Amino acid sequence: MPIRVLIVDDHSVVRQGLRLFLRTDPELEVVGEAPDGAQALLRAAELRPDIILMDLLMPVMDGIEAIGRLRKELPETEIIALTSVLEDRSVVRAVRAGAIGYLLKDTEADDLCRAIKAAAAGKVQLSAEAAERLMREVATPADPDPLSEREVEVLKLLARGATNKEIALDLSIQETTVKSHVSSILGKLAVPSRTHAALYAARAGLAELASTP
């Protein structure tokens, strides 16, 4: 089954351009579009996409608010912030709201397609510039609950961009066990997402943070 993508951007030319080149990849299917965050909520509830490409600066409801609401309403849908804005505050707010990725609109088409597929598999997708800003700005707990040896192994692989399935194969454990470990890691570190956990691992020197080109 192809990965179902919803495009959210207030510029019709951008939506059309994204639709055209995503259509060239047989593993991706653009199932809909929305011109603002409010419409994105309605379309996402109707279409149940796997991935949403979300612009941040839009009328009616901006991308940050839409990301936060969508993460609560459709937790199985992953959201990539795709924007021309690269400023610390926007990056941090998008990731805190629940975006699994933050990419710039000048990302090459092939790189964007790869990022969509990776995000659908649960991999954190950050441009190198966004990763640098997050490393500097996103707070991580100073004294978290200690992780078990196995949880540290899982965290290292998560930070390197591995999916739950890949972590399970690497550690020879069940994927459900990986999910349990990830949930425990988020709780112990008091962070809301895999992205934040990956940032913690990088800042703690446990792993190099994976980023897109």
N, C-alpha and C. Protein backbone atom coordinates (compact mmCIF):
# COMPACT_ATOMS: atom_id res chain seq x y z
N MET A 1 0.84 -1.19 0.00
CA MET A 1 0.00 0.00 0.00
C MET A 1 0.88 1.25 0.00
N PRO A 2 0.56 2.23 -0.85
CA PRO A 2 1.35 3.47 -0.86
C PRO A 2 1.13 4.27 0.42
N ILE A 3 2.09 5.14 0.72
CA ILE A 3 1.99 6.03 1.87
C ILE A 3 1.07 7.19 1.49
N ARG A 4 0.03 7.40 2.27
CA ARG A 4 -0.98 8.41 1.97
C ARG A 4 -0.57 9.77 2.55
N VAL A 5 -0.51 10.78 1.69
CA VAL A 5 0.02 12.09 2.07
C VAL A 5 -1.03 13.17 1.90
N LEU A 6 -1.13 14.03 2.92
CA LEU A 6 -1.97 15.22 2.84
C LEU A 6 -1.06 16.44 2.81
N ILE A 7 -1.27 17.33 1.83
CA ILE A 7 -0.46 18.53 1.67
C ILE A 7 -1.22 19.74 2.23
N VAL A 8 -0.59 20.48 3.14
CA VAL A 8 -1.23 21.66 3.73
C VAL A 8 -0.35 22.88 3.49
N ASP A 9 -0.84 23.80 2.68
CA ASP A 9 -0.09 25.03 2.36
C ASP A 9 -1.07 26.05 1.82
N ASP A 10 -0.89 27.31 2.17
CA ASP A 10 -1.84 28.32 1.72
C ASP A 10 -1.58 28.80 0.30
N HIS A 11 -0.51 28.34 -0.33
CA HIS A 11 -0.21 28.73 -1.71
C HIS A 11 -0.55 27.57 -2.65
N SER A 12 -1.49 27.80 -3.56
CA SER A 12 -1.93 26.73 -4.45
C SER A 12 -0.80 26.25 -5.36
N VAL A 13 0.10 27.17 -5.74
CA VAL A 13 1.22 26.77 -6.60
C VAL A 13 2.13 25.78 -5.89
N VAL A 14 2.36 26.01 -4.59
CA VAL A 14 3.19 25.08 -3.81
C VAL A 14 2.51 23.72 -3.71
N ARG A 15 1.20 23.72 -3.43
CA ARG A 15 0.48 22.45 -3.33
C ARG A 15 0.53 21.69 -4.64
N GLN A 16 0.34 22.40 -5.75
CA GLN A 16 0.36 21.75 -7.06
C GLN A 16 1.74 21.18 -7.37
N GLY A 17 2.78 21.95 -7.04
CA GLY A 17 4.14 21.48 -7.29
C GLY A 17 4.47 20.24 -6.48
N LEU A 18 4.09 20.25 -5.21
CA LEU A 18 4.34 19.07 -4.37
C LEU A 18 3.58 17.87 -4.90
N ARG A 19 2.33 18.07 -5.27
CA ARG A 19 1.53 16.97 -5.80
C ARG A 19 2.16 16.37 -7.05
N LEU A 20 2.65 17.24 -7.93
CA LEU A 20 3.21 16.77 -9.20
C LEU A 20 4.43 15.88 -9.00
N PHE A 21 5.39 16.30 -8.15
CA PHE A 21 6.58 15.46 -8.06
C PHE A 21 6.41 14.31 -7.09
N LEU A 22 5.50 14.41 -6.11
CA LEU A 22 5.24 13.25 -5.27
C LEU A 22 4.53 12.16 -6.06
N ARG A 23 3.76 12.58 -7.06
CA ARG A 23 3.04 11.63 -7.90
C ARG A 23 3.98 10.73 -8.69
N THR A 24 5.21 11.18 -8.89
CA THR A 24 6.16 10.37 -9.68
C THR A 24 6.71 9.18 -8.89
N ASP A 25 6.48 9.16 -7.57
CA ASP A 25 6.96 8.06 -6.74
C ASP A 25 5.80 7.10 -6.48
N PRO A 26 5.88 5.86 -6.98
CA PRO A 26 4.76 4.91 -6.82
C PRO A 26 4.49 4.51 -5.38
N GLU A 27 5.43 4.80 -4.48
CA GLU A 27 5.23 4.43 -3.08
C GLU A 27 4.49 5.51 -2.29
N LEU A 28 4.19 6.64 -2.96
CA LEU A 28 3.50 7.75 -2.32
C LEU A 28 2.20 8.06 -3.04
N GLU A 29 1.19 8.44 -2.29
CA GLU A 29 -0.10 8.82 -2.87
C GLU A 29 -0.61 10.08 -2.18
N VAL A 30 -0.75 11.17 -2.93
CA VAL A 30 -1.32 12.39 -2.38
C VAL A 30 -2.83 12.23 -2.36
N VAL A 31 -3.40 12.20 -1.16
CA VAL A 31 -4.84 11.92 -1.03
C VAL A 31 -5.66 13.19 -0.86
N GLY A 32 -4.99 14.33 -0.62
CA GLY A 32 -5.74 15.55 -0.46
C GLY A 32 -4.87 16.76 -0.19
N GLU A 33 -5.52 17.93 -0.18
CA GLU A 33 -4.84 19.19 0.08
C GLU A 33 -5.69 20.04 1.02
N ALA A 34 -5.04 21.00 1.67
CA ALA A 34 -5.76 21.97 2.50
C ALA A 34 -5.00 23.29 2.47
N PRO A 35 -5.71 24.43 2.48
CA PRO A 35 -5.06 25.73 2.39
C PRO A 35 -4.72 26.37 3.73
N ASP A 36 -5.13 25.75 4.83
CA ASP A 36 -4.85 26.31 6.15
C ASP A 36 -5.01 25.23 7.20
N GLY A 37 -4.62 25.55 8.43
CA GLY A 37 -4.67 24.55 9.49
C GLY A 37 -6.06 24.07 9.82
N ALA A 38 -7.05 24.97 9.78
CA ALA A 38 -8.42 24.58 10.10
C ALA A 38 -8.94 23.56 9.10
N GLN A 39 -8.70 23.81 7.82
CA GLN A 39 -9.10 22.85 6.80
C GLN A 39 -8.31 21.56 6.91
N ALA A 40 -7.07 21.67 7.36
CA ALA A 40 -6.23 20.47 7.53
C ALA A 40 -6.86 19.53 8.56
N LEU A 41 -7.41 20.08 9.64
CA LEU A 41 -8.05 19.25 10.66
C LEU A 41 -9.23 18.48 10.06
N LEU A 42 -10.03 19.16 9.26
CA LEU A 42 -11.19 18.52 8.65
C LEU A 42 -10.79 17.47 7.63
N ARG A 43 -9.83 17.81 6.78
CA ARG A 43 -9.40 16.88 5.74
C ARG A 43 -8.69 15.67 6.34
N ALA A 44 -7.90 15.90 7.37
CA ALA A 44 -7.18 14.79 8.00
C ALA A 44 -8.14 13.83 8.67
N ALA A 45 -9.17 14.36 9.33
CA ALA A 45 -10.17 13.50 9.98
C ALA A 45 -10.91 12.67 8.95
N GLU A 46 -11.14 13.25 7.77
CA GLU A 46 -11.85 12.56 6.70
C GLU A 46 -10.98 11.53 6.01
N LEU A 47 -9.72 11.89 5.73
CA LEU A 47 -8.86 11.07 4.88
C LEU A 47 -7.94 10.12 5.65
N ARG A 48 -7.65 10.43 6.91
CA ARG A 48 -6.74 9.61 7.72
C ARG A 48 -5.42 9.33 7.00
N PRO A 49 -4.67 10.37 6.64
CA PRO A 49 -3.41 10.16 5.93
C PRO A 49 -2.33 9.57 6.84
N ASP A 50 -1.32 8.99 6.23
CA ASP A 50 -0.17 8.49 6.99
C ASP A 50 0.77 9.63 7.37
N ILE A 51 0.92 10.58 6.43
CA ILE A 51 1.84 11.71 6.59
C ILE A 51 1.13 13.00 6.20
N ILE A 52 1.38 14.06 6.97
CA ILE A 52 0.92 15.39 6.59
C ILE A 52 2.14 16.28 6.41
N LEU A 53 2.23 16.92 5.24
CA LEU A 53 3.24 17.95 5.01
C LEU A 53 2.61 19.28 5.38
N MET A 54 3.13 19.91 6.42
CA MET A 54 2.46 21.07 7.01
C MET A 54 3.30 22.35 6.89
N ASP A 55 2.76 23.33 6.18
CA ASP A 55 3.36 24.67 6.20
C ASP A 55 3.08 25.28 7.58
N LEU A 56 3.87 26.26 7.98
CA LEU A 56 3.69 26.85 9.30
C LEU A 56 2.96 28.18 9.27
N LEU A 57 3.29 29.04 8.30
CA LEU A 57 2.69 30.38 8.23
C LEU A 57 1.48 30.36 7.30
N MET A 58 0.29 30.27 7.89
CA MET A 58 -0.95 30.19 7.11
C MET A 58 -2.04 31.00 7.81
N PRO A 59 -3.05 31.46 7.05
CA PRO A 59 -4.17 32.18 7.66
C PRO A 59 -5.13 31.22 8.37
N VAL A 60 -6.10 31.79 9.07
CA VAL A 60 -7.16 31.07 9.78
C VAL A 60 -6.61 30.29 10.97
N MET A 61 -5.76 29.30 10.71
CA MET A 61 -5.07 28.57 11.77
C MET A 61 -3.67 28.23 11.28
N ASP A 62 -2.64 28.61 12.03
CA ASP A 62 -1.28 28.36 11.56
C ASP A 62 -0.89 26.90 11.76
N GLY A 63 0.24 26.54 11.19
CA GLY A 63 0.68 25.15 11.23
C GLY A 63 1.01 24.65 12.61
N ILE A 64 1.55 25.50 13.47
CA ILE A 64 1.92 25.07 14.82
C ILE A 64 0.68 24.60 15.59
N GLU A 65 -0.38 25.42 15.58
CA GLU A 65 -1.60 25.05 16.28
C GLU A 65 -2.21 23.79 15.68
N ALA A 66 -2.19 23.71 14.35
CA ALA A 66 -2.76 22.54 13.68
C ALA A 66 -1.99 21.26 14.04
N ILE A 67 -0.67 21.36 14.11
CA ILE A 67 0.14 20.19 14.48
C ILE A 67 -0.24 19.70 15.87
N GLY A 68 -0.34 20.62 16.82
CA GLY A 68 -0.68 20.24 18.18
C GLY A 68 -2.03 19.55 18.27
N ARG A 69 -3.02 20.07 17.56
CA ARG A 69 -4.36 19.48 17.60
C ARG A 69 -4.41 18.14 16.88
N LEU A 70 -3.70 18.05 15.77
CA LEU A 70 -3.69 16.80 15.01
C LEU A 70 -3.01 15.68 15.78
N ARG A 71 -1.97 16.00 16.52
CA ARG A 71 -1.27 14.96 17.28
C ARG A 71 -2.19 14.36 18.34
N LYS A 72 -3.12 15.17 18.86
CA LYS A 72 -4.07 14.66 19.85
C LYS A 72 -5.21 13.89 19.18
N GLU A 73 -5.66 14.38 18.03
CA GLU A 73 -6.81 13.78 17.38
C GLU A 73 -6.44 12.58 16.51
N LEU A 74 -5.25 12.61 15.89
CA LEU A 74 -4.81 11.53 15.00
C LEU A 74 -3.38 11.13 15.35
N PRO A 75 -3.18 10.48 16.49
CA PRO A 75 -1.82 10.17 16.94
C PRO A 75 -1.05 9.23 16.03
N GLU A 76 -1.75 8.48 15.17
CA GLU A 76 -1.07 7.56 14.26
C GLU A 76 -0.53 8.27 13.02
N THR A 77 -0.98 9.50 12.78
CA THR A 77 -0.52 10.26 11.62
C THR A 77 0.72 11.06 11.99
N GLU A 78 1.77 10.93 11.19
CA GLU A 78 3.00 11.69 11.43
C GLU A 78 2.96 12.99 10.63
N ILE A 79 3.57 14.03 11.19
CA ILE A 79 3.52 15.35 10.57
C ILE A 79 4.94 15.88 10.35
N ILE A 80 5.21 16.31 9.12
CA ILE A 80 6.47 16.95 8.78
C ILE A 80 6.21 18.43 8.52
N ALA A 81 6.86 19.29 9.28
CA ALA A 81 6.79 20.72 9.00
C ALA A 81 7.64 20.98 7.76
N LEU A 82 7.01 21.50 6.71
CA LEU A 82 7.70 21.81 5.46
C LEU A 82 7.51 23.29 5.20
N THR A 83 8.57 24.07 5.40
CA THR A 83 8.41 25.52 5.44
C THR A 83 9.64 26.22 4.89
N SER A 84 9.47 27.48 4.57
CA SER A 84 10.61 28.31 4.14
C SER A 84 11.22 29.03 5.33
N VAL A 85 10.60 28.90 6.50
CA VAL A 85 11.04 29.60 7.70
C VAL A 85 12.02 28.74 8.49
N LEU A 86 13.22 29.26 8.70
CA LEU A 86 14.20 28.55 9.54
C LEU A 86 14.66 29.52 10.62
N GLU A 87 13.90 29.56 11.69
CA GLU A 87 14.27 30.36 12.86
C GLU A 87 14.08 29.50 14.09
N ASP A 88 14.88 29.75 15.10
CA ASP A 88 14.89 28.89 16.28
C ASP A 88 13.50 28.69 16.87
N ARG A 89 12.76 29.78 17.00
CA ARG A 89 11.45 29.71 17.66
C ARG A 89 10.50 28.80 16.88
N SER A 90 10.49 28.91 15.55
CA SER A 90 9.59 28.09 14.74
C SER A 90 9.95 26.62 14.81
N VAL A 91 11.24 26.32 14.74
CA VAL A 91 11.69 24.94 14.81
C VAL A 91 11.27 24.32 16.14
N VAL A 92 11.57 25.01 17.22
CA VAL A 92 11.28 24.49 18.56
C VAL A 92 9.79 24.31 18.75
N ARG A 93 8.99 25.29 18.35
CA ARG A 93 7.55 25.21 18.55
C ARG A 93 6.94 24.08 17.73
N ALA A 94 7.43 23.87 16.51
CA ALA A 94 6.89 22.79 15.66
C ALA A 94 7.17 21.43 16.27
N VAL A 95 8.39 21.24 16.75
CA VAL A 95 8.75 19.95 17.34
C VAL A 95 8.03 19.73 18.67
N ARG A 96 7.93 20.79 19.46
CA ARG A 96 7.18 20.66 20.72
C ARG A 96 5.72 20.34 20.47
N ALA A 97 5.17 20.86 19.39
CA ALA A 97 3.76 20.58 19.06
C ALA A 97 3.56 19.14 18.63
N GLY A 98 4.64 18.49 18.17
CA GLY A 98 4.53 17.08 17.81
C GLY A 98 4.98 16.69 16.42
N ALA A 99 5.59 17.62 15.68
CA ALA A 99 6.10 17.27 14.36
C ALA A 99 7.25 16.28 14.48
N ILE A 100 7.25 15.25 13.65
CA ILE A 100 8.35 14.30 13.66
C ILE A 100 9.50 14.79 12.81
N GLY A 101 9.23 15.78 11.97
CA GLY A 101 10.28 16.30 11.10
C GLY A 101 10.14 17.79 10.85
N TYR A 102 11.23 18.40 10.40
CA TYR A 102 11.24 19.82 10.07
C TYR A 102 12.16 19.98 8.87
N LEU A 103 11.57 20.23 7.71
CA LEU A 103 12.34 20.34 6.47
C LEU A 103 12.04 21.67 5.80
N LEU A 104 12.99 22.14 5.00
CA LEU A 104 12.82 23.38 4.27
C LEU A 104 12.27 23.12 2.88
N LYS A 105 11.58 24.11 2.35
CA LYS A 105 10.95 23.94 1.04
C LYS A 105 11.96 23.83 -0.09
N ASP A 106 13.21 24.17 0.17
CA ASP A 106 14.22 24.00 -0.88
C ASP A 106 14.85 22.61 -0.84
N THR A 107 14.30 21.72 -0.01
CA THR A 107 14.77 20.33 0.01
C THR A 107 14.57 19.71 -1.36
N GLU A 108 15.58 18.97 -1.83
CA GLU A 108 15.48 18.31 -3.13
C GLU A 108 14.32 17.32 -3.13
N ALA A 109 13.70 17.15 -4.30
CA ALA A 109 12.52 16.29 -4.41
C ALA A 109 12.80 14.87 -3.93
N ASP A 110 13.92 14.30 -4.36
CA ASP A 110 14.26 12.93 -3.96
C ASP A 110 14.45 12.84 -2.45
N ASP A 111 15.08 13.87 -1.86
CA ASP A 111 15.29 13.87 -0.41
C ASP A 111 13.96 13.97 0.33
N LEU A 112 13.03 14.75 -0.20
CA LEU A 112 11.73 14.87 0.44
C LEU A 112 10.97 13.54 0.39
N CYS A 113 11.02 12.87 -0.75
CA CYS A 113 10.35 11.57 -0.86
C CYS A 113 10.93 10.58 0.14
N ARG A 114 12.25 10.57 0.26
CA ARG A 114 12.88 9.67 1.23
C ARG A 114 12.49 10.04 2.66
N ALA A 115 12.40 11.34 2.93
CA ALA A 115 12.03 11.79 4.27
C ALA A 115 10.60 11.39 4.61
N ILE A 116 9.70 11.48 3.65
CA ILE A 116 8.31 11.08 3.88
C ILE A 116 8.24 9.59 4.22
N LYS A 117 8.96 8.78 3.47
CA LYS A 117 8.95 7.33 3.72
C LYS A 117 9.55 7.00 5.08
N ALA A 118 10.61 7.70 5.43
CA ALA A 118 11.25 7.46 6.72
C ALA A 118 10.34 7.90 7.87
N ALA A 119 9.69 9.05 7.72
CA ALA A 119 8.78 9.54 8.77
C ALA A 119 7.61 8.59 8.95
N ALA A 120 7.12 8.02 7.84
CA ALA A 120 6.02 7.07 7.92
C ALA A 120 6.42 5.83 8.72
N ALA A 121 7.72 5.54 8.72
CA ALA A 121 8.23 4.40 9.49
C ALA A 121 8.62 4.79 10.91
N GLY A 122 8.39 6.06 11.27
CA GLY A 122 8.66 6.51 12.63
C GLY A 122 10.02 7.12 12.86
N LYS A 123 10.76 7.41 11.78
CA LYS A 123 12.08 8.00 11.93
C LYS A 123 11.99 9.52 12.04
N VAL A 124 12.75 10.09 12.95
CA VAL A 124 12.85 11.53 13.09
C VAL A 124 13.50 12.10 11.82
N GLN A 125 12.89 13.14 11.25
CA GLN A 125 13.41 13.73 10.02
C GLN A 125 13.65 15.22 10.21
N LEU A 126 14.91 15.61 10.37
CA LEU A 126 15.25 17.01 10.58
C LEU A 126 16.31 17.43 9.57
N SER A 127 16.13 18.61 9.00
CA SER A 127 17.21 19.14 8.18
C SER A 127 18.40 19.40 9.11
N ALA A 128 19.58 19.41 8.56
CA ALA A 128 20.78 19.64 9.39
C ALA A 128 20.68 20.96 10.13
N GLU A 129 20.14 21.99 9.46
CA GLU A 129 20.02 23.30 10.09
C GLU A 129 19.02 23.27 11.25
N ALA A 130 17.90 22.57 11.04
CA ALA A 130 16.90 22.47 12.11
C ALA A 130 17.44 21.68 13.29
N ALA A 131 18.17 20.62 13.01
CA ALA A 131 18.75 19.81 14.08
C ALA A 131 19.71 20.65 14.93
N GLU A 132 20.49 21.49 14.25
CA GLU A 132 21.44 22.35 14.97
C GLU A 132 20.70 23.31 15.91
N ARG A 133 19.62 23.89 15.44
CA ARG A 133 18.86 24.81 16.27
C ARG A 133 18.19 24.10 17.44
N LEU A 134 17.66 22.92 17.18
CA LEU A 134 17.01 22.17 18.25
C LEU A 134 18.01 21.75 19.32
N MET A 135 19.18 21.36 18.90
CA MET A 135 20.21 20.96 19.86
C MET A 135 20.53 22.10 20.81
N ARG A 136 20.42 23.34 20.30
CA ARG A 136 20.77 24.51 21.10
C ARG A 136 19.60 24.99 21.97
N GLU A 137 18.37 24.82 21.46
CA GLU A 137 17.24 25.48 22.09
C GLU A 137 16.32 24.58 22.90
N VAL A 138 16.17 23.32 22.51
CA VAL A 138 15.22 22.46 23.21
C VAL A 138 15.81 21.98 24.52
N ALA A 139 15.09 22.24 25.59
CA ALA A 139 15.57 21.84 26.92
C ALA A 139 15.45 20.34 27.10
N THR A 140 16.41 19.74 27.76
CA THR A 140 16.36 18.33 28.12
C THR A 140 16.53 18.23 29.62
N PRO A 141 15.98 17.18 30.23
CA PRO A 141 16.03 17.08 31.70
C PRO A 141 17.45 16.99 32.22
N ALA A 142 17.73 17.73 33.28
CA ALA A 142 19.08 17.73 33.86
C ALA A 142 19.35 16.48 34.67
N ASP A 143 18.32 15.93 35.28
CA ASP A 143 18.52 14.77 36.15
C ASP A 143 17.38 13.78 35.94
N PRO A 144 17.34 13.12 34.77
CA PRO A 144 16.25 12.20 34.48
C PRO A 144 16.36 10.91 35.29
N ASP A 145 15.26 10.16 35.36
CA ASP A 145 15.31 8.84 35.97
C ASP A 145 16.28 7.98 35.17
N PRO A 146 17.09 7.16 35.84
CA PRO A 146 18.07 6.36 35.11
C PRO A 146 17.42 5.36 34.15
N LEU A 147 18.01 5.25 32.99
CA LEU A 147 17.54 4.28 32.00
C LEU A 147 18.23 2.94 32.23
N SER A 148 17.53 1.87 31.91
CA SER A 148 18.14 0.55 31.99
C SER A 148 19.13 0.39 30.84
N GLU A 149 19.96 -0.62 30.91
CA GLU A 149 20.94 -0.86 29.86
C GLU A 149 20.25 -1.06 28.51
N ARG A 150 19.15 -1.82 28.52
CA ARG A 150 18.41 -2.06 27.29
C ARG A 150 17.79 -0.76 26.77
N GLU A 151 17.27 0.07 27.65
CA GLU A 151 16.68 1.33 27.22
C GLU A 151 17.71 2.25 26.59
N VAL A 152 18.93 2.24 27.11
CA VAL A 152 20.00 3.03 26.51
C VAL A 152 20.29 2.53 25.10
N GLU A 153 20.30 1.21 24.91
CA GLU A 153 20.53 0.65 23.57
C GLU A 153 19.43 1.09 22.61
N VAL A 154 18.20 1.04 23.08
CA VAL A 154 17.07 1.46 22.24
C VAL A 154 17.18 2.94 21.91
N LEU A 155 17.53 3.76 22.90
CA LEU A 155 17.64 5.20 22.69
C LEU A 155 18.73 5.54 21.68
N LYS A 156 19.85 4.86 21.75
CA LYS A 156 20.93 5.10 20.80
C LYS A 156 20.47 4.85 19.36
N LEU A 157 19.77 3.72 19.17
CA LEU A 157 19.30 3.38 17.83
C LEU A 157 18.22 4.34 17.37
N LEU A 158 17.34 4.74 18.28
CA LEU A 158 16.29 5.71 17.96
C LEU A 158 16.91 7.01 17.47
N ALA A 159 17.94 7.48 18.16
CA ALA A 159 18.59 8.74 17.80
C ALA A 159 19.27 8.66 16.44
N ARG A 160 19.70 7.47 16.07
CA ARG A 160 20.34 7.29 14.76
C ARG A 160 19.33 7.16 13.64
N GLY A 161 18.04 7.22 13.97
CA GLY A 161 17.01 7.21 12.95
C GLY A 161 16.37 5.86 12.71
N ALA A 162 16.60 4.88 13.58
CA ALA A 162 16.04 3.55 13.39
C ALA A 162 14.56 3.52 13.74
N THR A 163 13.78 2.75 13.00
CA THR A 163 12.38 2.55 13.32
C THR A 163 12.26 1.49 14.40
N ASN A 164 11.05 1.33 14.95
CA ASN A 164 10.83 0.28 15.95
C ASN A 164 11.16 -1.09 15.39
N LYS A 165 10.77 -1.31 14.15
CA LYS A 165 11.04 -2.61 13.52
C LYS A 165 12.54 -2.85 13.38
N GLU A 166 13.26 -1.82 12.96
CA GLU A 166 14.71 -1.96 12.81
C GLU A 166 15.40 -2.16 14.15
N ILE A 167 14.91 -1.46 15.19
CA ILE A 167 15.47 -1.64 16.53
C ILE A 167 15.24 -3.07 17.01
N ALA A 168 14.04 -3.58 16.76
CA ALA A 168 13.71 -4.95 17.17
C ALA A 168 14.63 -5.96 16.49
N LEU A 169 14.88 -5.78 15.21
CA LEU A 169 15.76 -6.69 14.48
C LEU A 169 17.19 -6.60 15.00
N ASP A 170 17.64 -5.38 15.23
CA ASP A 170 19.02 -5.16 15.69
C ASP A 170 19.26 -5.78 17.06
N LEU A 171 18.27 -5.68 17.95
CA LEU A 171 18.44 -6.16 19.33
C LEU A 171 17.84 -7.55 19.55
N SER A 172 17.28 -8.12 18.48
CA SER A 172 16.67 -9.47 18.56
C SER A 172 15.59 -9.54 19.63
N ILE A 173 14.69 -8.54 19.60
CA ILE A 173 13.56 -8.53 20.51
C ILE A 173 12.29 -8.25 19.70
N GLN A 174 11.14 -8.38 20.32
CA GLN A 174 9.88 -8.15 19.64
C GLN A 174 9.63 -6.65 19.45
N GLU A 175 8.92 -6.30 18.37
CA GLU A 175 8.61 -4.90 18.12
C GLU A 175 7.74 -4.32 19.23
N THR A 176 6.84 -5.13 19.79
CA THR A 176 6.01 -4.66 20.89
C THR A 176 6.87 -4.32 22.11
N THR A 177 7.96 -5.08 22.28
CA THR A 177 8.88 -4.80 23.39
C THR A 177 9.59 -3.47 23.16
N VAL A 178 9.95 -3.20 21.91
CA VAL A 178 10.58 -1.92 21.58
C VAL A 178 9.64 -0.77 21.91
N LYS A 179 8.38 -0.90 21.52
CA LYS A 179 7.40 0.15 21.80
C LYS A 179 7.29 0.40 23.30
N SER A 180 7.34 -0.68 24.07
CA SER A 180 7.29 -0.55 25.52
C SER A 180 8.51 0.19 26.06
N HIS A 181 9.68 -0.15 25.51
CA HIS A 181 10.91 0.53 25.93
C HIS A 181 10.86 2.02 25.57
N VAL A 182 10.38 2.34 24.35
CA VAL A 182 10.31 3.73 23.92
C VAL A 182 9.37 4.51 24.84
N SER A 183 8.24 3.93 25.16
CA SER A 183 7.30 4.58 26.07
C SER A 183 7.94 4.84 27.43
N SER A 184 8.69 3.86 27.92
CA SER A 184 9.37 4.01 29.21
C SER A 184 10.44 5.10 29.14
N ILE A 185 11.17 5.14 28.02
CA ILE A 185 12.22 6.15 27.84
C ILE A 185 11.61 7.55 27.87
N LEU A 186 10.51 7.75 27.15
CA LEU A 186 9.87 9.06 27.12
C LEU A 186 9.42 9.47 28.51
N GLY A 187 8.89 8.50 29.26
CA GLY A 187 8.44 8.80 30.62
C GLY A 187 9.59 9.16 31.54
N LYS A 188 10.68 8.40 31.47
CA LYS A 188 11.82 8.65 32.36
C LYS A 188 12.51 9.97 32.03
N LEU A 189 12.56 10.30 30.74
CA LEU A 189 13.22 11.54 30.34
C LEU A 189 12.28 12.74 30.44
N ALA A 190 10.99 12.44 30.65
CA ALA A 190 9.97 13.50 30.73
C ALA A 190 9.94 14.34 29.45
N VAL A 191 9.99 13.66 28.31
CA VAL A 191 9.93 14.33 27.02
C VAL A 191 8.71 13.81 26.26
N PRO A 192 8.13 14.63 25.36
CA PRO A 192 6.87 14.26 24.73
C PRO A 192 6.97 13.43 23.45
N SER A 193 8.17 13.28 22.89
CA SER A 193 8.24 12.64 21.59
C SER A 193 9.58 11.96 21.36
N ARG A 194 9.63 11.13 20.32
CA ARG A 194 10.87 10.47 19.89
C ARG A 194 11.90 11.52 19.50
N THR A 195 11.44 12.61 18.90
CA THR A 195 12.37 13.66 18.48
C THR A 195 13.11 14.22 19.68
N HIS A 196 12.37 14.51 20.76
CA HIS A 196 13.01 15.02 21.96
C HIS A 196 13.95 14.00 22.58
N ALA A 197 13.55 12.73 22.55
CA ALA A 197 14.42 11.68 23.10
C ALA A 197 15.70 11.59 22.29
N ALA A 198 15.60 11.72 20.97
CA ALA A 198 16.78 11.68 20.11
C ALA A 198 17.70 12.85 20.42
N LEU A 199 17.12 14.03 20.65
CA LEU A 199 17.91 15.20 20.99
C LEU A 199 18.63 15.00 22.32
N TYR A 200 17.95 14.39 23.28
CA TYR A 200 18.59 14.11 24.56
C TYR A 200 19.79 13.19 24.36
N ALA A 201 19.61 12.15 23.56
CA ALA A 201 20.70 11.20 23.32
C ALA A 201 21.90 11.90 22.70
N ALA A 202 21.62 12.81 21.76
CA ALA A 202 22.71 13.52 21.10
C ALA A 202 23.43 14.45 22.08
N ARG A 203 22.65 15.17 22.90
CA ARG A 203 23.26 16.11 23.84
C ARG A 203 23.99 15.39 24.96
N ALA A 204 23.55 14.17 25.28
CA ALA A 204 24.22 13.38 26.31
C ALA A 204 25.43 12.62 25.77
N GLY A 205 25.66 12.73 24.45
CA GLY A 205 26.81 12.05 23.86
C GLY A 205 26.61 10.56 23.63
N LEU A 206 25.33 10.12 23.64
CA LEU A 206 25.06 8.70 23.45
C LEU A 206 25.04 8.31 21.97
N ALA A 207 24.71 9.26 21.11
CA ALA A 207 24.61 8.97 19.69
C ALA A 207 24.64 10.25 18.89
N GLU A 208 25.02 10.13 17.65
CA GLU A 208 24.97 11.28 16.73
C GLU A 208 23.59 11.37 16.14
N LEU A 209 22.99 12.55 16.21
CA LEU A 209 21.62 12.72 15.73
C LEU A 209 21.56 12.59 14.23
N ALA A 210 20.66 11.72 13.76
CA ALA A 210 20.46 11.56 12.33
C ALA A 210 19.74 12.79 11.79
N SER A 211 20.13 13.23 10.58
CA SER A 211 19.44 14.35 9.95
C SER A 211 19.40 14.12 8.46
N THR A 212 18.46 14.77 7.79
CA THR A 212 18.34 14.65 6.35
C THR A 212 19.36 15.60 5.70
N PRO A 213 19.64 15.38 4.41
CA PRO A 213 20.59 16.27 3.73
C PRO A 213 20.11 17.70 3.72
